[in-house]
Amino acid sequence: MKPVIFIVTAQWDPEAAVWSGRSDEVPVVVEASSLDELLRQAAAQTLDLLPNNHPGVDPTAVHLQLIVLREAAAISTAA
């Protein structure tokens, strides 16, 4: 079975200290304190919304591709 890939873009919000993620393809919007939790929430929402937004897609074929956006300066100073 060919995988169906939905892209989730995540961005760190330093003021709220959370990752915000979204996928316009499903649509999914989530917030979490870690990327692992964000991915878990995005997967759960995707599977919940799949029948209404992509009725012909088999849930076992769904894969999420996570794109993470974070300022390079914030990463290099944290080390």
PDB file of N, CA and C in Angstrom:
ATOM      1  N   MET A   1       0.845  -1.173   0.000  1.00  0.00           N
ATOM      2  CA  MET A   1       0.000   0.000   0.000  1.00  0.00           C
ATOM      3  C   MET A   1       0.900   1.250   0.000  1.00  0.00           C
ATOM      4  N   LYS A   2       0.574   2.165  -0.852  1.00  0.00           N
ATOM      5  CA  LYS A   2       1.344   3.401  -0.970  1.00  0.00           C
ATOM      6  C   LYS A   2       1.030   4.326   0.214  1.00  0.00           C
ATOM      7  N   PRO A   3       2.074   4.866   0.867  1.00  0.00           N
ATOM      8  CA  PRO A   3       1.817   5.763   2.001  1.00  0.00           C
ATOM      9  C   PRO A   3       1.207   7.087   1.553  1.00  0.00           C
ATOM     10  N   VAL A   4       0.347   7.623   2.390  1.00  0.00           N
ATOM     11  CA  VAL A   4      -0.227   8.951   2.204  1.00  0.00           C
ATOM     12  C   VAL A   4       0.445   9.841   3.241  1.00  0.00           C
ATOM     13  N   ILE A   5       1.195  10.826   2.768  1.00  0.00           N
ATOM     14  CA  ILE A   5       2.004  11.657   3.667  1.00  0.00           C
ATOM     15  C   ILE A   5       1.365  13.018   3.838  1.00  0.00           C
ATOM     16  N   PHE A   6       1.140  13.391   5.100  1.00  0.00           N
ATOM     17  CA  PHE A   6       0.663  14.727   5.449  1.00  0.00           C
ATOM     18  C   PHE A   6       1.809  15.453   6.148  1.00  0.00           C
ATOM     19  N   ILE A   7       2.033  16.682   5.768  1.00  0.00           N
ATOM     20  CA  ILE A   7       3.129  17.474   6.338  1.00  0.00           C
ATOM     21  C   ILE A   7       2.608  18.294   7.510  1.00  0.00           C
ATOM     22  N   VAL A   8       3.300  18.171   8.645  1.00  0.00           N
ATOM     23  CA  VAL A   8       3.011  18.967   9.836  1.00  0.00           C
ATOM     24  C   VAL A   8       4.205  19.882  10.056  1.00  0.00           C
ATOM     25  N   THR A   9       3.954  21.183  10.104  1.00  0.00           N
ATOM     26  CA  THR A   9       5.018  22.151  10.349  1.00  0.00           C
ATOM     27  C   THR A   9       4.943  22.591  11.802  1.00  0.00           C
ATOM     28  N   ALA A  10       6.064  22.489  12.507  1.00  0.00           N
ATOM     29  CA  ALA A  10       6.129  22.859  13.922  1.00  0.00           C
ATOM     30  C   ALA A  10       7.086  24.024  14.105  1.00  0.00           C
ATOM     31  N   GLN A  11       6.699  24.932  14.989  1.00  0.00           N
ATOM     32  CA  GLN A  11       7.544  26.090  15.282  1.00  0.00           C
ATOM     33  C   GLN A  11       7.535  26.334  16.786  1.00  0.00           C
ATOM     34  N   TRP A  12       8.713  26.621  17.320  1.00  0.00           N
ATOM     35  CA  TRP A  12       8.868  26.896  18.748  1.00  0.00           C
ATOM     36  C   TRP A  12       8.390  28.306  19.055  1.00  0.00           C
ATOM     37  N   ASP A  13       7.575  28.451  20.086  1.00  0.00           N
ATOM     38  CA  ASP A  13       7.128  29.753  20.573  1.00  0.00           C
ATOM     39  C   ASP A  13       7.827  29.998  21.901  1.00  0.00           C
ATOM     40  N   PRO A  14       8.893  30.827  21.907  1.00  0.00           N
ATOM     41  CA  PRO A  14       9.663  31.007  23.136  1.00  0.00           C
ATOM     42  C   PRO A  14       8.880  31.704  24.248  1.00  0.00           C
ATOM     43  N   GLU A  15       7.951  32.566  23.899  1.00  0.00           N
ATOM     44  CA  GLU A  15       7.173  33.265  24.932  1.00  0.00           C
ATOM     45  C   GLU A  15       6.237  32.313  25.661  1.00  0.00           C
ATOM     46  N   ALA A  16       5.601  31.414  24.925  1.00  0.00           N
ATOM     47  CA  ALA A  16       4.682  30.453  25.537  1.00  0.00           C
ATOM     48  C   ALA A  16       5.388  29.164  25.955  1.00  0.00           C
ATOM     49  N   ALA A  17       6.624  28.983  25.492  1.00  0.00           N
ATOM     50  CA  ALA A  17       7.417  27.784  25.771  1.00  0.00           C
ATOM     51  C   ALA A  17       6.704  26.514  25.306  1.00  0.00           C
ATOM     52  N   VAL A  18       6.157  26.576  24.088  1.00  0.00           N
ATOM     53  CA  VAL A  18       5.498  25.418  23.494  1.00  0.00           C
ATOM     54  C   VAL A  18       5.821  25.333  22.006  1.00  0.00           C
ATOM     55  N   TRP A  19       5.678  24.133  21.481  1.00  0.00           N
ATOM     56  CA  TRP A  19       5.740  23.907  20.039  1.00  0.00           C
ATOM     57  C   TRP A  19       4.330  24.049  19.499  1.00  0.00           C
ATOM     58  N   SER A  20       4.179  24.793  18.425  1.00  0.00           N
ATOM     59  CA  SER A  20       2.891  24.914  17.730  1.00  0.00           C
ATOM     60  C   SER A  20       3.033  24.195  16.406  1.00  0.00           C
ATOM     61  N   GLY A  21       2.069  23.354  16.103  1.00  0.00           N
ATOM     62  CA  GLY A  21       2.120  22.607  14.863  1.00  0.00           C
ATOM     63  C   GLY A  21       0.825  22.703  14.094  1.00  0.00           C
ATOM     64  N   ARG A  22       0.948  22.635  12.764  1.00  0.00           N
ATOM     65  CA  ARG A  22      -0.254  22.694  11.937  1.00  0.00           C
ATOM     66  C   ARG A  22      -0.045  21.946  10.636  1.00  0.00           C
ATOM     67  N   SER A  23      -1.141  21.449  10.127  1.00  0.00           N
ATOM     68  CA  SER A  23      -1.174  20.852   8.798  1.00  0.00           C
ATOM     69  C   SER A  23      -2.466  21.308   8.151  1.00  0.00           C
ATOM     70  N   ASP A  24      -2.342  22.058   7.084  1.00  0.00           N
ATOM     71  CA  ASP A  24      -3.528  22.547   6.392  1.00  0.00           C
ATOM     72  C   ASP A  24      -4.175  21.452   5.555  1.00  0.00           C
ATOM     73  N   GLU A  25      -3.449  20.380   5.296  1.00  0.00           N
ATOM     74  CA  GLU A  25      -3.971  19.296   4.465  1.00  0.00           C
ATOM     75  C   GLU A  25      -5.075  18.503   5.145  1.00  0.00           C
ATOM     76  N   VAL A  26      -5.068  18.475   6.490  1.00  0.00           N
ATOM     77  CA  VAL A  26      -6.007  17.579   7.171  1.00  0.00           C
ATOM     78  C   VAL A  26      -7.292  18.294   7.610  1.00  0.00           C
ATOM     79  N   PRO A  27      -7.419  19.318   8.297  1.00  0.00           N
ATOM     80  CA  PRO A  27      -6.513  20.263   8.948  1.00  0.00           C
ATOM     81  C   PRO A  27      -6.280  19.905  10.419  1.00  0.00           C
ATOM     82  N   VAL A  28      -5.070  20.175  10.886  1.00  0.00           N
ATOM     83  CA  VAL A  28      -4.669  19.889  12.258  1.00  0.00           C
ATOM     84  C   VAL A  28      -3.981  21.123  12.831  1.00  0.00           C
ATOM     85  N   VAL A  29      -4.296  21.443  14.087  1.00  0.00           N
ATOM     86  CA  VAL A  29      -3.598  22.497  14.824  1.00  0.00           C
ATOM     87  C   VAL A  29      -3.383  21.975  16.235  1.00  0.00           C
ATOM     88  N   VAL A  30      -2.105  21.930  16.672  1.00  0.00           N
ATOM     89  CA  VAL A  30      -1.786  21.404  18.002  1.00  0.00           C
ATOM     90  C   VAL A  30      -0.714  22.254  18.669  1.00  0.00           C
ATOM     91  N   GLU A  31      -0.659  22.166  19.995  1.00  0.00           N
ATOM     92  CA  GLU A  31       0.412  22.773  20.790  1.00  0.00           C
ATOM     93  C   GLU A  31       0.868  21.753  21.816  1.00  0.00           C
ATOM     94  N   ALA A  32       2.180  21.723  22.060  1.00  0.00           N
ATOM     95  CA  ALA A  32       2.724  20.775  23.030  1.00  0.00           C
ATOM     96  C   ALA A  32       4.069  21.263  23.531  1.00  0.00           C
ATOM     97  N   SER A  33       4.471  20.762  24.688  1.00  0.00           N
ATOM     98  CA  SER A  33       5.743  21.180  25.277  1.00  0.00           C
ATOM     99  C   SER A  33       6.939  20.445  24.673  1.00  0.00           C
ATOM    100  N   SER A  34       6.689  19.339  23.967  1.00  0.00           N
ATOM    101  CA  SER A  34       7.782  18.605  23.315  1.00  0.00           C
ATOM    102  C   SER A  34       7.363  18.217  21.894  1.00  0.00           C
ATOM    103  N   LEU A  35       8.353  17.952  21.063  1.00  0.00           N
ATOM    104  CA  LEU A  35       8.055  17.523  19.698  1.00  0.00           C
ATOM    105  C   LEU A  35       7.398  16.147  19.675  1.00  0.00           C
ATOM    106  N   ASP A  36       7.797  15.263  20.585  1.00  0.00           N
ATOM    107  CA  ASP A  36       7.173  13.938  20.649  1.00  0.00           C
ATOM    108  C   ASP A  36       5.684  14.049  20.951  1.00  0.00           C
ATOM    109  N   GLU A  37       5.352  14.903  21.921  1.00  0.00           N
ATOM    110  CA  GLU A  37       3.945  15.091  22.277  1.00  0.00           C
ATOM    111  C   GLU A  37       3.186  15.769  21.149  1.00  0.00           C
ATOM    112  N   LEU A  38       3.813  16.720  20.479  1.00  0.00           N
ATOM    113  CA  LEU A  38       3.186  17.386  19.342  1.00  0.00           C
ATOM    114  C   LEU A  38       2.860  16.368  18.252  1.00  0.00           C
ATOM    115  N   LEU A  39       3.782  15.475  17.976  1.00  0.00           N
ATOM    116  CA  LEU A  39       3.566  14.455  16.956  1.00  0.00           C
ATOM    117  C   LEU A  39       2.456  13.486  17.361  1.00  0.00           C
ATOM    118  N   ARG A  40       2.398  13.118  18.637  1.00  0.00           N
ATOM    119  CA  ARG A  40       1.323  12.242  19.129  1.00  0.00           C
ATOM    120  C   ARG A  40      -0.041  12.911  18.948  1.00  0.00           C
ATOM    121  N   GLN A  41      -0.115  14.188  19.325  1.00  0.00           N
ATOM    122  CA  GLN A  41      -1.384  14.919  19.196  1.00  0.00           C
ATOM    123  C   GLN A  41      -1.772  15.092  17.728  1.00  0.00           C
ATOM    124  N   ALA A  42      -0.799  15.405  16.884  1.00  0.00           N
ATOM    125  CA  ALA A  42      -1.072  15.577  15.456  1.00  0.00           C
ATOM    126  C   ALA A  42      -1.568  14.272  14.835  1.00  0.00           C
ATOM    127  N   ALA A  43      -0.968  13.164  15.228  1.00  0.00           N
ATOM    128  CA  ALA A  43      -1.390  11.860  14.711  1.00  0.00           C
ATOM    129  C   ALA A  43      -2.829  11.550  15.139  1.00  0.00           C
ATOM    130  N   ALA A  44      -3.135  11.799  16.401  1.00  0.00           N
ATOM    131  CA  ALA A  44      -4.488  11.527  16.904  1.00  0.00           C
ATOM    132  C   ALA A  44      -5.516  12.395  16.181  1.00  0.00           C
ATOM    133  N   GLN A  45      -5.221  13.680  16.030  1.00  0.00           N
ATOM    134  CA  GLN A  45      -6.154  14.570  15.325  1.00  0.00           C
ATOM    135  C   GLN A  45      -6.300  14.177  13.859  1.00  0.00           C
ATOM    136  N   THR A  46      -5.194  13.806  13.228  1.00  0.00           N
ATOM    137  CA  THR A  46      -5.237  13.414  11.825  1.00  0.00           C
ATOM    138  C   THR A  46      -6.158  12.220  11.636  1.00  0.00           C
ATOM    139  N   LEU A  47      -6.003  11.215  12.474  1.00  0.00           N
ATOM    140  CA  LEU A  47      -6.840  10.022  12.346  1.00  0.00           C
ATOM    141  C   LEU A  47      -8.302  10.323  12.662  1.00  0.00           C
ATOM    142  N   ASP A  48      -8.557  11.247  13.600  1.00  0.00           N
ATOM    143  CA  ASP A  48      -9.931  11.642  13.910  1.00  0.00           C
ATOM    144  C   ASP A  48     -10.577  12.392  12.749  1.00  0.00           C
ATOM    145  N   LEU A  49      -9.809  13.262  12.093  1.00  0.00           N
ATOM    146  CA  LEU A  49     -10.351  14.113  11.032  1.00  0.00           C
ATOM    147  C   LEU A  49     -10.308  13.465   9.648  1.00  0.00           C
ATOM    148  N   LEU A  50      -9.573  12.385   9.517  1.00  0.00           N
ATOM    149  CA  LEU A  50      -9.375  11.741   8.220  1.00  0.00           C
ATOM    150  C   LEU A  50     -10.684  11.385   7.500  1.00  0.00           C
ATOM    151  N   PRO A  51     -11.647  10.748   8.163  1.00  0.00           N
ATOM    152  CA  PRO A  51     -12.865  10.354   7.439  1.00  0.00           C
ATOM    153  C   PRO A  51     -13.631  11.530   6.828  1.00  0.00           C
ATOM    154  N   ASN A  52     -13.618  12.673   7.490  1.00  0.00           N
ATOM    155  CA  ASN A  52     -14.351  13.842   6.989  1.00  0.00           C
ATOM    156  C   ASN A  52     -13.589  14.598   5.915  1.00  0.00           C
ATOM    157  N   ASN A  53     -12.270  14.584   5.973  1.00  0.00           N
ATOM    158  CA  ASN A  53     -11.464  15.390   5.063  1.00  0.00           C
ATOM    159  C   ASN A  53     -10.826  14.603   3.926  1.00  0.00           C
ATOM    160  N   HIS A  54     -10.595  13.313   4.148  1.00  0.00           N
ATOM    161  CA  HIS A  54      -9.997  12.441   3.127  1.00  0.00           C
ATOM    162  C   HIS A  54     -10.658  11.064   3.238  1.00  0.00           C
ATOM    163  N   PRO A  55     -11.944  10.982   2.873  1.00  0.00           N
ATOM    164  CA  PRO A  55     -12.697   9.739   3.112  1.00  0.00           C
ATOM    165  C   PRO A  55     -12.161   8.504   2.393  1.00  0.00           C
ATOM    166  N   GLY A  56     -11.424   8.669   1.324  1.00  0.00           N
ATOM    167  CA  GLY A  56     -10.919   7.509   0.601  1.00  0.00           C
ATOM    168  C   GLY A  56      -9.578   7.000   1.079  1.00  0.00           C
ATOM    169  N   VAL A  57      -9.001   7.641   2.083  1.00  0.00           N
ATOM    170  CA  VAL A  57      -7.659   7.283   2.555  1.00  0.00           C
ATOM    171  C   VAL A  57      -7.754   6.256   3.681  1.00  0.00           C
ATOM    172  N   ASP A  58      -7.026   5.171   3.540  1.00  0.00           N
ATOM    173  CA  ASP A  58      -6.948   4.134   4.565  1.00  0.00           C
ATOM    174  C   ASP A  58      -6.080   4.648   5.716  1.00  0.00           C
ATOM    175  N   PRO A  59      -6.585   4.658   6.942  1.00  0.00           N
ATOM    176  CA  PRO A  59      -5.798   5.157   8.076  1.00  0.00           C
ATOM    177  C   PRO A  59      -4.460   4.447   8.264  1.00  0.00           C
ATOM    178  N   THR A  60      -4.359   3.188   7.855  1.00  0.00           N
ATOM    179  CA  THR A  60      -3.090   2.473   8.017  1.00  0.00           C
ATOM    180  C   THR A  60      -2.033   2.945   7.025  1.00  0.00           C
ATOM    181  N   ALA A  61      -2.434   3.728   6.025  1.00  0.00           N
ATOM    182  CA  ALA A  61      -1.490   4.248   5.033  1.00  0.00           C
ATOM    183  C   ALA A  61      -0.977   5.638   5.396  1.00  0.00           C
ATOM    184  N   VAL A  62      -1.537   6.233   6.441  1.00  0.00           N
ATOM    185  CA  VAL A  62      -1.201   7.620   6.793  1.00  0.00           C
ATOM    186  C   VAL A  62       0.151   7.704   7.500  1.00  0.00           C
ATOM    187  N   HIS A  63       0.985   8.616   7.013  1.00  0.00           N
ATOM    188  CA  HIS A  63       2.270   8.942   7.632  1.00  0.00           C
ATOM    189  C   HIS A  63       2.327  10.455   7.813  1.00  0.00           C
ATOM    190  N   LEU A  64       2.973  10.895   8.874  1.00  0.00           N
ATOM    191  CA  LEU A  64       3.165  12.328   9.106  1.00  0.00           C
ATOM    192  C   LEU A  64       4.631  12.674   8.899  1.00  0.00           C
ATOM    193  N   GLN A  65       4.857  13.726   8.148  1.00  0.00           N
ATOM    194  CA  GLN A  65       6.213  14.257   7.960  1.00  0.00           C
ATOM    195  C   GLN A  65       6.280  15.541   8.765  1.00  0.00           C
ATOM    196  N   LEU A  66       7.196  15.593   9.713  1.00  0.00           N
ATOM    197  CA  LEU A  66       7.332  16.747  10.596  1.00  0.00           C
ATOM    198  C   LEU A  66       8.441  17.656  10.097  1.00  0.00           C
ATOM    199  N   ILE A  67       8.096  18.906   9.857  1.00  0.00           N
ATOM    200  CA  ILE A  67       9.069  19.932   9.494  1.00  0.00           C
ATOM    201  C   ILE A  67       9.172  20.863  10.687  1.00  0.00           C
ATOM    202  N   VAL A  68      10.383  21.019  11.220  1.00  0.00           N
ATOM    203  CA  VAL A  68      10.598  21.810  12.425  1.00  0.00           C
ATOM    204  C   VAL A  68      11.297  23.110  12.067  1.00  0.00           C
ATOM    205  N   LEU A  69      10.710  24.216  12.501  1.00  0.00           N
ATOM    206  CA  LEU A  69      11.286  25.538  12.284  1.00  0.00           C
ATOM    207  C   LEU A  69      11.709  26.122  13.626  1.00  0.00           C
ATOM    208  N   ARG A  70      12.969  26.522  13.703  1.00  0.00           N
ATOM    209  CA  ARG A  70      13.457  27.174  14.918  1.00  0.00           C
ATOM    210  C   ARG A  70      14.629  28.051  14.525  1.00  0.00           C
ATOM    211  N   GLU A  71      14.725  29.208  15.158  1.00  0.00           N
ATOM    212  CA  GLU A  71      15.810  30.132  14.835  1.00  0.00           C
ATOM    213  C   GLU A  71      17.158  29.489  15.130  1.00  0.00           C
ATOM    214  N   ALA A  72      18.067  29.579  14.189  1.00  0.00           N
ATOM    215  CA  ALA A  72      19.404  28.992  14.355  1.00  0.00           C
ATOM    216  C   ALA A  72      20.136  29.636  15.524  1.00  0.00           C
ATOM    217  N   ALA A  73      19.966  30.931  15.718  1.00  0.00           N
ATOM    218  CA  ALA A  73      20.649  31.624  16.803  1.00  0.00           C
ATOM    219  C   ALA A  73      20.205  31.076  18.162  1.00  0.00           C
ATOM    220  N   ALA A  74      18.911  30.770  18.298  1.00  0.00           N
ATOM    221  CA  ALA A  74      18.401  30.234  19.556  1.00  0.00           C
ATOM    222  C   ALA A  74      18.972  28.847  19.834  1.00  0.00           C
ATOM    223  N   ILE A  75      19.163  28.058  18.801  1.00  0.00           N
ATOM    224  CA  ILE A  75      19.712  26.714  18.963  1.00  0.00           C
ATOM    225  C   ILE A  75      21.182  26.767  19.341  1.00  0.00           C
ATOM    226  N   SER A  76      21.959  27.611  18.660  1.00  0.00           N
ATOM    227  CA  SER A  76      23.404  27.651  18.906  1.00  0.00           C
ATOM    228  C   SER A  76      23.741  28.247  20.259  1.00  0.00           C
ATOM    229  N   THR A  77      22.924  29.153  20.789  1.00  0.00           N
ATOM    230  CA  THR A  77      23.218  29.736  22.099  1.00  0.00           C
ATOM    231  C   THR A  77      22.767  28.834  23.238  1.00  0.00           C
ATOM    232  N   ALA A  78      21.897  27.876  22.946  1.00  0.00           N
ATOM    233  CA  ALA A  78      21.404  26.972  23.983  1.00  0.00           C
ATOM    234  C   ALA A  78      22.427  25.894  24.325  1.00  0.00           C
ATOM    235  N   ALA A  79      23.373  25.648  23.460  1.00  0.00           N
ATOM    236  CA  ALA A  79      24.330  24.560  23.687  1.00  0.00           C
ATOM    237  C   ALA A  79      25.385  24.915  24.696  1.00  0.00           C
TER     238      ALA A  79
END
